[in-house]
Amino acid sequence: MTRTISKHFIDQVEAFLKRTGFKPTEFGRQAVGDSGFVLNLRRGRSPTLATADKVMAFIARLEAEEQARRGRRGPHEQ
C-alpha cells in the first residue's frame, strides 16, 4: 500500500507536533491562522496546496531557527 500525499503531509505535521510539544491549536493558529487546522486534518480534511506549502514553510522555519540556536551553544550545553 502506498502512502498518499495527504497522509504524508499529516504524518509530517503529527511528527512535528510530537517532536516539539506544540499544542495542535497553537500550531494551527501560528501556521495558518486557524486553531482548528490540525483537528480538521485529523478528521480527514485535505488542505489546499497553498495551505500545505504555508504549513511546510512554517515547520521549516521553526526547525531552522532551532538548528541555529543549537549551533550557537557550546558543545557541553545541549
N, C-alpha and C. Protein backbone atom coordinates (compact mmCIF):
# COMPACT_ATOMS: atom_id res chain seq x y z
N MET A 1 0.84 -1.19 0.00
CA MET A 1 0.00 0.00 0.00
C MET A 1 0.87 1.25 0.00
N THR A 2 0.61 2.15 -0.90
CA THR A 2 1.40 3.37 -0.99
C THR A 2 0.75 4.49 -0.17
N ARG A 3 1.60 5.35 0.32
CA ARG A 3 1.10 6.49 1.08
C ARG A 3 0.71 7.61 0.14
N THR A 4 -0.41 8.22 0.44
CA THR A 4 -0.85 9.36 -0.36
C THR A 4 -0.09 10.61 0.08
N ILE A 5 -0.15 11.62 -0.74
CA ILE A 5 0.46 12.90 -0.38
C ILE A 5 -0.20 13.45 0.88
N SER A 6 -1.51 13.32 0.96
CA SER A 6 -2.23 13.80 2.15
C SER A 6 -1.76 13.10 3.41
N LYS A 7 -1.60 11.78 3.34
CA LYS A 7 -1.15 11.01 4.51
C LYS A 7 0.28 11.42 4.89
N HIS A 8 1.12 11.60 3.89
CA HIS A 8 2.50 12.03 4.15
C HIS A 8 2.50 13.40 4.84
N PHE A 9 1.68 14.31 4.35
CA PHE A 9 1.60 15.66 4.93
C PHE A 9 1.14 15.58 6.39
N ILE A 10 0.07 14.85 6.65
CA ILE A 10 -0.45 14.72 8.01
C ILE A 10 0.61 14.09 8.92
N ASP A 11 1.29 13.07 8.42
CA ASP A 11 2.34 12.43 9.21
C ASP A 11 3.44 13.41 9.57
N GLN A 12 3.80 14.29 8.64
CA GLN A 12 4.83 15.29 8.92
C GLN A 12 4.36 16.29 9.98
N VAL A 13 3.13 16.72 9.89
CA VAL A 13 2.59 17.64 10.89
C VAL A 13 2.56 16.96 12.26
N GLU A 14 2.05 15.73 12.31
CA GLU A 14 1.97 15.00 13.59
C GLU A 14 3.36 14.77 14.17
N ALA A 15 4.33 14.43 13.34
CA ALA A 15 5.70 14.22 13.83
C ALA A 15 6.28 15.51 14.40
N PHE A 16 6.00 16.62 13.72
CA PHE A 16 6.48 17.92 14.21
C PHE A 16 5.86 18.24 15.57
N LEU A 17 4.55 18.02 15.70
CA LEU A 17 3.87 18.28 16.97
C LEU A 17 4.48 17.44 18.09
N LYS A 18 4.71 16.18 17.80
CA LYS A 18 5.27 15.28 18.81
C LYS A 18 6.69 15.70 19.19
N ARG A 19 7.49 16.01 18.18
CA ARG A 19 8.89 16.37 18.39
C ARG A 19 9.03 17.66 19.19
N THR A 20 8.15 18.61 18.95
CA THR A 20 8.30 19.94 19.55
C THR A 20 7.42 20.17 20.77
N GLY A 21 6.38 19.35 20.94
CA GLY A 21 5.45 19.58 22.03
C GLY A 21 4.46 20.70 21.75
N PHE A 22 4.43 21.18 20.52
CA PHE A 22 3.47 22.21 20.11
C PHE A 22 2.06 21.70 20.34
N LYS A 23 1.21 22.53 20.90
CA LYS A 23 -0.21 22.18 21.00
C LYS A 23 -0.83 22.32 19.61
N PRO A 24 -1.69 21.39 19.22
CA PRO A 24 -2.29 21.45 17.88
C PRO A 24 -3.00 22.76 17.59
N THR A 25 -3.71 23.30 18.57
CA THR A 25 -4.44 24.54 18.32
C THR A 25 -3.48 25.71 18.09
N GLU A 26 -2.40 25.74 18.86
CA GLU A 26 -1.43 26.83 18.71
C GLU A 26 -0.67 26.68 17.39
N PHE A 27 -0.36 25.45 17.02
CA PHE A 27 0.30 25.21 15.74
C PHE A 27 -0.56 25.75 14.60
N GLY A 28 -1.82 25.38 14.58
CA GLY A 28 -2.72 25.83 13.52
C GLY A 28 -2.85 27.34 13.50
N ARG A 29 -2.95 27.94 14.67
CA ARG A 29 -3.09 29.39 14.76
C ARG A 29 -1.85 30.09 14.19
N GLN A 30 -0.67 29.62 14.58
CA GLN A 30 0.56 30.26 14.12
C GLN A 30 0.87 29.95 12.66
N ALA A 31 0.61 28.72 12.23
CA ALA A 31 0.98 28.31 10.87
C ALA A 31 0.05 28.89 9.82
N VAL A 32 -1.27 28.85 10.09
CA VAL A 32 -2.22 29.25 9.05
C VAL A 32 -3.36 30.12 9.57
N GLY A 33 -3.30 30.53 10.83
CA GLY A 33 -4.35 31.39 11.37
C GLY A 33 -5.65 30.67 11.66
N ASP A 34 -5.58 29.35 11.90
CA ASP A 34 -6.78 28.54 12.13
C ASP A 34 -6.50 27.55 13.25
N SER A 35 -7.03 27.82 14.43
CA SER A 35 -6.76 26.95 15.57
C SER A 35 -7.34 25.54 15.39
N GLY A 36 -8.28 25.36 14.50
CA GLY A 36 -8.87 24.05 14.25
C GLY A 36 -8.21 23.29 13.11
N PHE A 37 -7.13 23.81 12.58
CA PHE A 37 -6.49 23.21 11.41
C PHE A 37 -6.11 21.75 11.63
N VAL A 38 -5.40 21.45 12.71
CA VAL A 38 -4.93 20.08 12.95
C VAL A 38 -6.12 19.15 13.21
N LEU A 39 -7.09 19.61 13.97
CA LEU A 39 -8.29 18.79 14.20
C LEU A 39 -8.97 18.45 12.89
N ASN A 40 -9.07 19.43 12.01
CA ASN A 40 -9.69 19.18 10.69
C ASN A 40 -8.88 18.18 9.88
N LEU A 41 -7.54 18.27 9.95
CA LEU A 41 -6.71 17.27 9.27
C LEU A 41 -6.99 15.87 9.81
N ARG A 42 -7.04 15.80 11.14
CA ARG A 42 -7.28 14.50 11.79
C ARG A 42 -8.66 13.93 11.43
N ARG A 43 -9.58 14.79 11.11
CA ARG A 43 -10.93 14.36 10.71
C ARG A 43 -11.03 14.04 9.23
N GLY A 44 -9.93 14.19 8.51
CA GLY A 44 -9.93 13.79 7.11
C GLY A 44 -9.95 14.91 6.09
N ARG A 45 -9.97 16.14 6.53
CA ARG A 45 -9.95 17.25 5.57
C ARG A 45 -8.58 17.36 4.93
N SER A 46 -8.57 17.71 3.67
CA SER A 46 -7.31 17.93 2.95
C SER A 46 -7.12 19.42 2.72
N PRO A 47 -5.93 19.92 3.03
CA PRO A 47 -5.67 21.34 2.79
C PRO A 47 -5.42 21.58 1.31
N THR A 48 -5.56 22.83 0.90
CA THR A 48 -5.16 23.19 -0.46
C THR A 48 -3.64 23.09 -0.54
N LEU A 49 -3.12 23.05 -1.75
CA LEU A 49 -1.66 23.02 -1.91
C LEU A 49 -1.02 24.29 -1.34
N ALA A 50 -1.69 25.41 -1.51
CA ALA A 50 -1.16 26.67 -0.97
C ALA A 50 -1.06 26.61 0.55
N THR A 51 -2.07 26.04 1.20
CA THR A 51 -2.04 25.91 2.66
C THR A 51 -0.98 24.92 3.09
N ALA A 52 -0.86 23.81 2.39
CA ALA A 52 0.17 22.82 2.72
C ALA A 52 1.56 23.45 2.57
N ASP A 53 1.77 24.23 1.52
CA ASP A 53 3.04 24.93 1.35
C ASP A 53 3.32 25.87 2.51
N LYS A 54 2.31 26.58 2.93
CA LYS A 54 2.45 27.52 4.05
C LYS A 54 2.84 26.78 5.33
N VAL A 55 2.19 25.64 5.58
CA VAL A 55 2.48 24.85 6.77
C VAL A 55 3.90 24.31 6.72
N MET A 56 4.30 23.77 5.58
CA MET A 56 5.64 23.21 5.47
C MET A 56 6.71 24.29 5.60
N ALA A 57 6.44 25.48 5.08
CA ALA A 57 7.37 26.60 5.25
C ALA A 57 7.47 27.00 6.72
N PHE A 58 6.35 26.99 7.42
CA PHE A 58 6.33 27.31 8.85
C PHE A 58 7.18 26.30 9.63
N ILE A 59 6.97 25.02 9.35
CA ILE A 59 7.75 23.97 10.01
C ILE A 59 9.24 24.14 9.70
N ALA A 60 9.57 24.35 8.44
CA ALA A 60 10.97 24.51 8.04
C ALA A 60 11.61 25.70 8.75
N ARG A 61 10.87 26.79 8.85
CA ARG A 61 11.41 27.99 9.51
C ARG A 61 11.69 27.72 10.98
N LEU A 62 10.76 27.09 11.67
CA LEU A 62 10.97 26.80 13.09
C LEU A 62 12.11 25.82 13.29
N GLU A 63 12.21 24.82 12.42
CA GLU A 63 13.31 23.86 12.55
C GLU A 63 14.66 24.53 12.27
N ALA A 64 14.71 25.44 11.31
CA ALA A 64 15.94 26.17 11.02
C ALA A 64 16.33 27.06 12.20
N GLU A 65 15.36 27.70 12.81
CA GLU A 65 15.63 28.54 13.99
C GLU A 65 16.17 27.69 15.12
N GLU A 66 15.61 26.50 15.32
CA GLU A 66 16.09 25.60 16.37
C GLU A 66 17.51 25.14 16.09
N GLN A 67 17.79 24.81 14.84
CA GLN A 67 19.15 24.40 14.47
C GLN A 67 20.13 25.54 14.71
N ALA A 68 19.74 26.75 14.40
CA ALA A 68 20.60 27.92 14.61
C ALA A 68 20.88 28.11 16.10
N ARG A 69 19.84 27.94 16.92
CA ARG A 69 20.04 28.07 18.37
C ARG A 69 21.01 27.01 18.87
N ARG A 70 20.85 25.79 18.39
CA ARG A 70 21.76 24.71 18.81
C ARG A 70 23.18 24.98 18.36
N GLY A 71 23.32 25.56 17.19
CA GLY A 71 24.64 25.85 16.66
C GLY A 71 25.38 26.92 17.44
N ARG A 72 24.64 27.80 18.11
CA ARG A 72 25.25 28.88 18.90
C ARG A 72 25.68 28.42 20.28
N ARG A 73 25.18 27.26 20.72
CA ARG A 73 25.54 26.76 22.05
C ARG A 73 26.93 26.12 22.00
N GLY A 74 27.54 26.08 23.14
CA GLY A 74 28.81 25.36 23.24
C GLY A 74 28.54 23.87 23.23
N PRO A 75 29.57 23.05 23.05
CA PRO A 75 29.39 21.61 22.94
C PRO A 75 28.81 20.97 24.21
N HIS A 76 29.01 21.55 25.37
CA HIS A 76 28.51 20.98 26.62
C HIS A 76 27.12 21.48 26.99
N GLU A 77 26.50 22.33 26.19
CA GLU A 77 25.21 22.96 26.55
C GLU A 77 24.03 22.36 25.83
N GLN A 78 24.06 21.15 25.40
CA GLN A 78 22.92 20.59 24.68
C GLN A 78 21.98 20.01 25.62
